Amino acid sequence: MGRVYVHLFGSPKDKSLRAIVKDYESRVRGRGISVKEHQDRSMTNYEASLSRAGGKLVILDEKGEELSSSELANWLNSANLDSEHTNIAVGPSEGFSEEFKSRATKSISLSRLTLTHEMAAAVILEQLYRATEINRGSPYHRE
């Protein structure tokens, strides 16, 4: 069974966003999803660390595939059933390099709107929590 790792480019500086990230991090921890904060704020080192992580690489990118919450839940279910782990990477404010993007297994867009990387971290963690709730059949998500 594959584990899902969400990689963040540092911890959110904004206290409110940091609280949201920490809240959802605690909610998803027992559901096969871990959060890794990369404190080295060098873009080159962040991409190199992600490249060495092994497993599948999924990046958040404004040009990526747009998924509904239900579609994300289906994707997460298949990622959890996969034999290798999956790394979901939230990029820095400058975005990922084109070379790095070309190595990604999948690219997901959270919105057609532009989000800060800190806001994207909060949104992806909430959506991953929502996906686990959809897969459990809980009333958290209403269609």
N, C-alpha and C. Protein backbone atom coordinates (compact mmCIF):
# COMPACT_ATOMS: atom_id res chain seq x y z
N MET A 1 0.84 -1.18 0.00
CA MET A 1 0.00 0.00 0.00
C MET A 1 0.88 1.25 0.00
N GLY A 2 0.61 2.16 -0.91
CA GLY A 2 1.41 3.37 -1.04
C GLY A 2 1.03 4.44 -0.03
N ARG A 3 2.01 5.18 0.38
CA ARG A 3 1.79 6.31 1.29
C ARG A 3 1.85 7.58 0.46
N VAL A 4 1.14 8.61 0.89
CA VAL A 4 1.14 9.90 0.20
C VAL A 4 1.87 10.91 1.07
N TYR A 5 2.81 11.61 0.46
CA TYR A 5 3.57 12.65 1.15
C TYR A 5 3.27 13.98 0.48
N VAL A 6 2.92 14.98 1.29
CA VAL A 6 2.71 16.33 0.78
C VAL A 6 3.94 17.14 1.18
N HIS A 7 4.62 17.67 0.18
CA HIS A 7 5.86 18.44 0.42
C HIS A 7 5.55 19.93 0.33
N LEU A 8 5.96 20.66 1.36
CA LEU A 8 5.73 22.10 1.41
C LEU A 8 7.07 22.83 1.37
N PHE A 9 7.10 23.94 0.68
CA PHE A 9 8.29 24.77 0.59
C PHE A 9 8.33 25.66 1.82
N GLY A 10 8.74 25.08 2.94
CA GLY A 10 8.77 25.80 4.21
C GLY A 10 7.42 25.80 4.89
N SER A 11 7.41 26.33 6.09
CA SER A 11 6.18 26.45 6.87
C SER A 11 5.54 27.80 6.54
N PRO A 12 4.22 27.86 6.43
CA PRO A 12 3.58 29.16 6.14
C PRO A 12 3.96 30.21 7.19
N LYS A 13 4.31 31.39 6.73
CA LYS A 13 4.68 32.48 7.64
C LYS A 13 3.46 33.10 8.30
N ASP A 14 2.36 33.14 7.56
CA ASP A 14 1.12 33.70 8.09
C ASP A 14 0.56 32.77 9.16
N LYS A 15 0.32 33.31 10.37
CA LYS A 15 -0.13 32.48 11.49
C LYS A 15 -1.45 31.77 11.22
N SER A 16 -2.37 32.45 10.57
CA SER A 16 -3.67 31.84 10.29
C SER A 16 -3.55 30.67 9.32
N LEU A 17 -2.78 30.86 8.27
CA LEU A 17 -2.58 29.77 7.30
C LEU A 17 -1.79 28.62 7.93
N ARG A 18 -0.81 28.95 8.76
CA ARG A 18 -0.03 27.90 9.44
C ARG A 18 -0.96 27.07 10.32
N ALA A 19 -1.90 27.72 11.01
CA ALA A 19 -2.85 27.00 11.87
C ALA A 19 -3.74 26.07 11.04
N ILE A 20 -4.19 26.53 9.88
CA ILE A 20 -5.01 25.70 9.00
C ILE A 20 -4.21 24.50 8.51
N VAL A 21 -2.99 24.74 8.06
CA VAL A 21 -2.13 23.65 7.57
C VAL A 21 -1.92 22.63 8.69
N LYS A 22 -1.61 23.08 9.89
CA LYS A 22 -1.36 22.16 11.01
C LYS A 22 -2.63 21.38 11.37
N ASP A 23 -3.78 22.04 11.33
CA ASP A 23 -5.05 21.36 11.63
C ASP A 23 -5.31 20.23 10.65
N TYR A 24 -5.22 20.52 9.34
CA TYR A 24 -5.48 19.47 8.36
C TYR A 24 -4.37 18.44 8.33
N GLU A 25 -3.15 18.83 8.64
CA GLU A 25 -2.07 17.86 8.74
C GLU A 25 -2.39 16.82 9.81
N SER A 26 -2.92 17.27 10.95
CA SER A 26 -3.27 16.31 12.01
C SER A 26 -4.46 15.45 11.61
N ARG A 27 -5.37 15.98 10.82
CA ARG A 27 -6.54 15.21 10.37
C ARG A 27 -6.17 14.09 9.39
N VAL A 28 -5.19 14.36 8.51
CA VAL A 28 -4.86 13.36 7.48
C VAL A 28 -3.76 12.39 7.91
N ARG A 29 -3.07 12.70 8.98
CA ARG A 29 -1.92 11.90 9.40
C ARG A 29 -2.25 10.42 9.54
N GLY A 30 -3.38 10.10 10.16
CA GLY A 30 -3.76 8.70 10.37
C GLY A 30 -4.38 8.05 9.15
N ARG A 31 -4.40 8.74 8.04
CA ARG A 31 -5.06 8.22 6.83
C ARG A 31 -4.08 7.99 5.69
N GLY A 32 -2.82 7.76 6.05
CA GLY A 32 -1.82 7.44 5.04
C GLY A 32 -1.23 8.64 4.34
N ILE A 33 -1.40 9.84 4.92
CA ILE A 33 -0.87 11.07 4.31
C ILE A 33 0.02 11.76 5.33
N SER A 34 1.25 12.06 4.92
CA SER A 34 2.20 12.77 5.78
C SER A 34 2.59 14.08 5.12
N VAL A 35 2.92 15.07 5.95
CA VAL A 35 3.37 16.37 5.46
C VAL A 35 4.84 16.53 5.79
N LYS A 36 5.61 16.96 4.79
CA LYS A 36 7.03 17.23 4.99
C LYS A 36 7.30 18.69 4.63
N GLU A 37 7.76 19.45 5.61
CA GLU A 37 8.13 20.84 5.36
C GLU A 37 9.62 20.91 5.07
N HIS A 38 9.97 21.46 3.95
CA HIS A 38 11.37 21.63 3.55
C HIS A 38 11.80 23.02 3.99
N GLN A 39 12.66 23.08 4.99
CA GLN A 39 13.05 24.37 5.56
C GLN A 39 14.14 25.08 4.77
N ASP A 40 14.89 24.35 3.96
CA ASP A 40 15.90 24.98 3.11
C ASP A 40 15.16 25.72 2.01
N ARG A 41 15.19 27.02 2.02
CA ARG A 41 14.39 27.83 1.10
C ARG A 41 15.06 28.05 -0.26
N SER A 42 15.94 27.15 -0.64
CA SER A 42 16.57 27.21 -1.96
C SER A 42 15.74 26.39 -2.94
N MET A 43 15.33 27.01 -4.03
CA MET A 43 14.53 26.33 -5.05
C MET A 43 15.28 25.12 -5.61
N THR A 44 16.56 25.28 -5.88
CA THR A 44 17.36 24.19 -6.44
C THR A 44 17.41 23.01 -5.48
N ASN A 45 17.63 23.29 -4.20
CA ASN A 45 17.69 22.22 -3.19
C ASN A 45 16.33 21.55 -3.00
N TYR A 46 15.26 22.33 -3.07
CA TYR A 46 13.91 21.77 -2.92
C TYR A 46 13.62 20.80 -4.06
N GLU A 47 13.88 21.22 -5.29
CA GLU A 47 13.64 20.34 -6.44
C GLU A 47 14.54 19.11 -6.38
N ALA A 48 15.79 19.27 -5.96
CA ALA A 48 16.70 18.13 -5.84
C ALA A 48 16.21 17.14 -4.79
N SER A 49 15.74 17.66 -3.67
CA SER A 49 15.21 16.80 -2.61
C SER A 49 13.99 16.03 -3.09
N LEU A 50 13.11 16.69 -3.81
CA LEU A 50 11.92 16.03 -4.35
C LEU A 50 12.31 14.97 -5.39
N SER A 51 13.33 15.24 -6.18
CA SER A 51 13.79 14.28 -7.18
C SER A 51 14.35 13.02 -6.54
N ARG A 52 14.95 13.17 -5.36
CA ARG A 52 15.53 12.01 -4.66
C ARG A 52 14.48 11.25 -3.83
N ALA A 53 13.29 11.78 -3.71
CA ALA A 53 12.27 11.18 -2.83
C ALA A 53 11.81 9.80 -3.31
N GLY A 54 11.93 9.50 -4.57
CA GLY A 54 11.46 8.22 -5.09
C GLY A 54 9.94 8.20 -5.17
N GLY A 55 9.40 7.21 -5.82
CA GLY A 55 7.95 7.13 -5.97
C GLY A 55 7.45 8.06 -7.06
N LYS A 56 6.16 8.25 -7.10
CA LYS A 56 5.53 9.12 -8.10
C LYS A 56 5.59 10.56 -7.63
N LEU A 57 5.74 11.47 -8.59
CA LEU A 57 5.79 12.90 -8.29
C LEU A 57 4.58 13.58 -8.91
N VAL A 58 3.79 14.23 -8.06
CA VAL A 58 2.63 14.99 -8.49
C VAL A 58 2.88 16.43 -8.06
N ILE A 59 2.81 17.35 -9.01
CA ILE A 59 3.05 18.74 -8.67
C ILE A 59 1.75 19.54 -8.76
N LEU A 60 1.67 20.58 -7.97
CA LEU A 60 0.57 21.53 -8.09
C LEU A 60 1.05 22.62 -9.02
N ASP A 61 0.29 22.86 -10.07
CA ASP A 61 0.69 23.82 -11.09
C ASP A 61 -0.56 24.44 -11.70
N GLU A 62 -0.51 25.72 -11.95
CA GLU A 62 -1.68 26.41 -12.50
C GLU A 62 -2.13 25.85 -13.85
N LYS A 63 -1.24 25.20 -14.56
CA LYS A 63 -1.59 24.63 -15.87
C LYS A 63 -1.93 23.15 -15.78
N GLY A 64 -2.00 22.62 -14.57
CA GLY A 64 -2.28 21.21 -14.39
C GLY A 64 -3.74 20.86 -14.61
N GLU A 65 -4.06 19.60 -14.44
CA GLU A 65 -5.42 19.09 -14.61
C GLU A 65 -6.30 19.57 -13.45
N GLU A 66 -7.46 20.08 -13.79
CA GLU A 66 -8.42 20.49 -12.77
C GLU A 66 -9.29 19.30 -12.42
N LEU A 67 -9.39 19.00 -11.12
CA LEU A 67 -10.18 17.87 -10.64
C LEU A 67 -11.27 18.36 -9.70
N SER A 68 -12.40 17.69 -9.72
CA SER A 68 -13.43 17.94 -8.70
C SER A 68 -12.98 17.23 -7.43
N SER A 69 -13.63 17.51 -6.32
CA SER A 69 -13.29 16.83 -5.07
C SER A 69 -13.51 15.33 -5.19
N SER A 70 -14.56 14.92 -5.86
CA SER A 70 -14.83 13.49 -6.05
C SER A 70 -13.76 12.84 -6.93
N GLU A 71 -13.33 13.55 -7.97
CA GLU A 71 -12.27 13.01 -8.83
C GLU A 71 -10.95 12.90 -8.05
N LEU A 72 -10.68 13.88 -7.19
CA LEU A 72 -9.48 13.81 -6.35
C LEU A 72 -9.58 12.62 -5.40
N ALA A 73 -10.76 12.36 -4.86
CA ALA A 73 -10.96 11.22 -3.96
C ALA A 73 -10.67 9.91 -4.69
N ASN A 74 -11.15 9.79 -5.93
CA ASN A 74 -10.88 8.58 -6.72
C ASN A 74 -9.39 8.43 -6.98
N TRP A 75 -8.74 9.55 -7.34
CA TRP A 75 -7.30 9.51 -7.59
C TRP A 75 -6.54 9.12 -6.32
N LEU A 76 -6.92 9.70 -5.18
CA LEU A 76 -6.25 9.39 -3.91
C LEU A 76 -6.43 7.92 -3.54
N ASN A 77 -7.61 7.39 -3.78
CA ASN A 77 -7.86 5.98 -3.51
C ASN A 77 -6.92 5.09 -4.32
N SER A 78 -6.74 5.41 -5.60
CA SER A 78 -5.83 4.61 -6.43
C SER A 78 -4.38 4.82 -6.00
N ALA A 79 -4.01 6.03 -5.57
CA ALA A 79 -2.64 6.28 -5.09
C ALA A 79 -2.36 5.48 -3.82
N ASN A 80 -3.36 5.36 -2.94
CA ASN A 80 -3.20 4.59 -1.71
C ASN A 80 -3.08 3.09 -2.00
N LEU A 81 -3.71 2.63 -3.07
CA LEU A 81 -3.65 1.22 -3.42
C LEU A 81 -2.39 0.86 -4.19
N ASP A 82 -1.71 1.89 -4.71
CA ASP A 82 -0.50 1.66 -5.49
C ASP A 82 0.61 1.12 -4.59
N SER A 83 1.54 0.38 -5.17
CA SER A 83 2.62 -0.21 -4.38
C SER A 83 3.72 0.79 -4.05
N GLU A 84 3.84 1.88 -4.82
CA GLU A 84 4.86 2.87 -4.50
C GLU A 84 4.21 4.12 -3.92
N HIS A 85 5.00 4.89 -3.19
CA HIS A 85 4.42 6.08 -2.57
C HIS A 85 4.31 7.22 -3.59
N THR A 86 3.51 8.20 -3.22
CA THR A 86 3.25 9.35 -4.07
C THR A 86 3.66 10.61 -3.33
N ASN A 87 4.40 11.48 -4.01
CA ASN A 87 4.83 12.76 -3.47
C ASN A 87 4.05 13.87 -4.15
N ILE A 88 3.29 14.62 -3.37
CA ILE A 88 2.57 15.78 -3.89
C ILE A 88 3.38 17.00 -3.48
N ALA A 89 3.82 17.78 -4.45
CA ALA A 89 4.70 18.91 -4.17
C ALA A 89 4.00 20.25 -4.41
N VAL A 90 3.98 21.07 -3.35
CA VAL A 90 3.50 22.44 -3.46
C VAL A 90 4.72 23.28 -3.78
N GLY A 91 4.67 24.00 -4.87
CA GLY A 91 5.83 24.77 -5.32
C GLY A 91 6.02 26.05 -4.54
N PRO A 92 7.18 26.64 -4.69
CA PRO A 92 7.45 27.95 -4.10
C PRO A 92 6.74 29.04 -4.90
N SER A 93 6.84 30.27 -4.44
CA SER A 93 6.13 31.37 -5.11
C SER A 93 6.57 31.55 -6.57
N GLU A 94 7.83 31.21 -6.89
CA GLU A 94 8.30 31.34 -8.28
C GLU A 94 7.82 30.20 -9.16
N GLY A 95 7.27 29.15 -8.56
CA GLY A 95 6.86 27.98 -9.32
C GLY A 95 8.05 27.07 -9.57
N PHE A 96 7.78 25.90 -10.12
CA PHE A 96 8.82 24.93 -10.43
C PHE A 96 9.48 25.25 -11.76
N SER A 97 10.71 24.79 -11.93
CA SER A 97 11.40 24.97 -13.21
C SER A 97 10.73 24.08 -14.26
N GLU A 98 10.86 24.46 -15.51
CA GLU A 98 10.27 23.68 -16.60
C GLU A 98 10.87 22.28 -16.64
N GLU A 99 12.16 22.16 -16.39
CA GLU A 99 12.82 20.85 -16.38
C GLU A 99 12.21 19.95 -15.30
N PHE A 100 12.00 20.52 -14.12
CA PHE A 100 11.42 19.74 -13.02
C PHE A 100 9.98 19.34 -13.35
N LYS A 101 9.21 20.27 -13.90
CA LYS A 101 7.82 19.97 -14.27
C LYS A 101 7.74 18.80 -15.23
N SER A 102 8.72 18.70 -16.14
CA SER A 102 8.68 17.63 -17.14
C SER A 102 8.89 16.25 -16.51
N ARG A 103 9.42 16.19 -15.31
CA ARG A 103 9.64 14.91 -14.63
C ARG A 103 8.44 14.44 -13.80
N ALA A 104 7.44 15.29 -13.67
CA ALA A 104 6.27 14.95 -12.84
C ALA A 104 5.41 13.88 -13.51
N THR A 105 4.89 12.98 -12.70
CA THR A 105 3.97 11.95 -13.17
C THR A 105 2.61 12.57 -13.49
N LYS A 106 2.24 13.57 -12.69
CA LYS A 106 0.93 14.21 -12.83
C LYS A 106 1.06 15.66 -12.38
N SER A 107 0.25 16.51 -12.95
CA SER A 107 0.20 17.91 -12.57
C SER A 107 -1.25 18.26 -12.29
N ILE A 108 -1.49 18.84 -11.12
CA ILE A 108 -2.86 19.17 -10.70
C ILE A 108 -2.96 20.67 -10.47
N SER A 109 -4.04 21.26 -10.95
CA SER A 109 -4.34 22.66 -10.68
C SER A 109 -5.44 22.71 -9.62
N LEU A 110 -5.22 23.51 -8.59
CA LEU A 110 -6.24 23.65 -7.56
C LEU A 110 -7.33 24.63 -7.97
N SER A 111 -7.00 25.52 -8.88
CA SER A 111 -7.95 26.54 -9.29
C SER A 111 -7.40 27.28 -10.50
N ARG A 112 -8.26 27.88 -11.25
CA ARG A 112 -7.81 28.76 -12.33
C ARG A 112 -7.33 30.08 -11.75
N LEU A 113 -7.69 30.35 -10.49
CA LEU A 113 -7.22 31.55 -9.81
C LEU A 113 -5.77 31.35 -9.38
N THR A 114 -5.03 32.43 -9.25
CA THR A 114 -3.67 32.35 -8.74
C THR A 114 -3.72 32.34 -7.22
N LEU A 115 -3.06 31.34 -6.62
CA LEU A 115 -2.99 31.22 -5.16
C LEU A 115 -1.55 31.35 -4.72
N THR A 116 -1.33 31.91 -3.53
CA THR A 116 0.02 31.90 -2.98
C THR A 116 0.37 30.45 -2.66
N HIS A 117 1.66 30.14 -2.58
CA HIS A 117 2.04 28.76 -2.27
C HIS A 117 1.57 28.37 -0.87
N GLU A 118 1.47 29.33 0.05
CA GLU A 118 0.98 29.03 1.39
C GLU A 118 -0.51 28.72 1.37
N MET A 119 -1.27 29.47 0.58
CA MET A 119 -2.71 29.20 0.44
C MET A 119 -2.91 27.86 -0.27
N ALA A 120 -2.09 27.56 -1.27
CA ALA A 120 -2.19 26.28 -1.97
C ALA A 120 -1.95 25.11 -1.00
N ALA A 121 -1.03 25.29 -0.07
CA ALA A 121 -0.77 24.23 0.93
C ALA A 121 -2.01 23.97 1.76
N ALA A 122 -2.68 25.04 2.21
CA ALA A 122 -3.90 24.88 3.01
C ALA A 122 -5.01 24.23 2.18
N VAL A 123 -5.16 24.65 0.94
CA VAL A 123 -6.22 24.12 0.08
C VAL A 123 -5.99 22.63 -0.22
N ILE A 124 -4.77 22.25 -0.59
CA ILE A 124 -4.54 20.84 -0.93
C ILE A 124 -4.74 19.95 0.29
N LEU A 125 -4.34 20.41 1.46
CA LEU A 125 -4.53 19.57 2.66
C LEU A 125 -6.01 19.43 3.00
N GLU A 126 -6.78 20.52 2.86
CA GLU A 126 -8.22 20.41 3.11
C GLU A 126 -8.85 19.47 2.08
N GLN A 127 -8.44 19.57 0.83
CA GLN A 127 -9.02 18.73 -0.21
C GLN A 127 -8.62 17.26 -0.04
N LEU A 128 -7.42 17.01 0.44
CA LEU A 128 -7.02 15.63 0.73
C LEU A 128 -7.82 15.07 1.90
N TYR A 129 -8.06 15.90 2.91
CA TYR A 129 -8.92 15.47 4.02
C TYR A 129 -10.33 15.18 3.49
N ARG A 130 -10.86 16.08 2.67
CA ARG A 130 -12.19 15.90 2.08
C ARG A 130 -12.23 14.60 1.27
N ALA A 131 -11.16 14.35 0.50
CA ALA A 131 -11.10 13.12 -0.31
C ALA A 131 -11.16 11.88 0.58
N THR A 132 -10.46 11.90 1.71
CA THR A 132 -10.52 10.74 2.61
C THR A 132 -11.91 10.58 3.20
N GLU A 133 -12.58 11.69 3.46
CA GLU A 133 -13.95 11.63 3.98
C GLU A 133 -14.91 11.11 2.92
N ILE A 134 -14.73 11.54 1.67
CA ILE A 134 -15.56 11.02 0.57
C ILE A 134 -15.37 9.51 0.47
N ASN A 135 -14.12 9.07 0.52
CA ASN A 135 -13.83 7.64 0.40
C ASN A 135 -14.37 6.84 1.59
N ARG A 136 -14.50 7.47 2.73
CA ARG A 136 -15.06 6.80 3.91
C ARG A 136 -16.59 6.84 3.91
N GLY A 137 -17.18 7.68 3.05
CA GLY A 137 -18.64 7.80 2.99
C GLY A 137 -19.21 8.69 4.08
N SER A 138 -18.41 9.58 4.63
CA SER A 138 -18.89 10.45 5.70
C SER A 138 -19.72 11.60 5.13
N PRO A 139 -20.50 12.28 5.96
CA PRO A 139 -21.31 13.41 5.48
C PRO A 139 -20.52 14.72 5.35
N TYR A 140 -19.21 14.71 5.56
CA TYR A 140 -18.40 15.94 5.46
C TYR A 140 -18.57 16.60 4.10
N HIS A 141 -18.60 15.80 3.04
CA HIS A 141 -18.73 16.32 1.68
C HIS A 141 -20.16 16.11 1.20
N ARG A 142 -20.76 17.19 0.78
CA ARG A 142 -22.13 17.09 0.26
C ARG A 142 -22.10 17.49 -1.20
N GLU A 143 -22.71 16.65 -2.03
CA GLU A 143 -22.76 16.97 -3.48
C GLU A 143 -24.08 17.56 -3.84
